Amino acid sequence: MKKLSFLIAFLLLFLTLQPSPSFAHRLVIEPKETGLIKVVYEDGSFSTRTVVIVYDRQGNEIERGTLNSDGYYFYDESVAHFFVADDSIGHRTEWTVGEEVVYKTDPHRWITAGVVSLILISIAVFFSYRSRRRPK
């Protein structure tokens, strides 16, 4: 039981100190000029497999396509109102024409990570005390 507690504590420490790739790769739509957007991750990289879907004011899909080799997407500015970008590996973002682009990380991820860590630490402590109370 002592080995299990040590293993859990080691894993928690290891996972806590590791950078999370999901935080480093949030997808962002950056408007560059009328008719042109750039879809990038927070670190500035992009994926040409990212699909951009363009909607009009009524919510109808008007066009769909992938980014070019520089991470840009050209669209018809006369009818475009809302964009969805999806890289097909779990990163998705939305942007409405005229909205401010926000680059900050979602705090709910940190809260969730903290709660999960506390639960795992509590389980390790519980089993540690439980193994100490058992007669040998």
Foldseek 3Di string as FASTA:
>chain_A
DVVVLVVLVVVLVVVVPDDDVVQQFAWWWADDDQQKIFIGGLVRHDDQLKKKWFAFPVGDTDDIDTAPPNRMDGDDNVGGFKMWIDNPPPHIDIDGPPDDIDSDGDCVVVVVSVVVSVVSNVVSVVVVVVVVPDDD
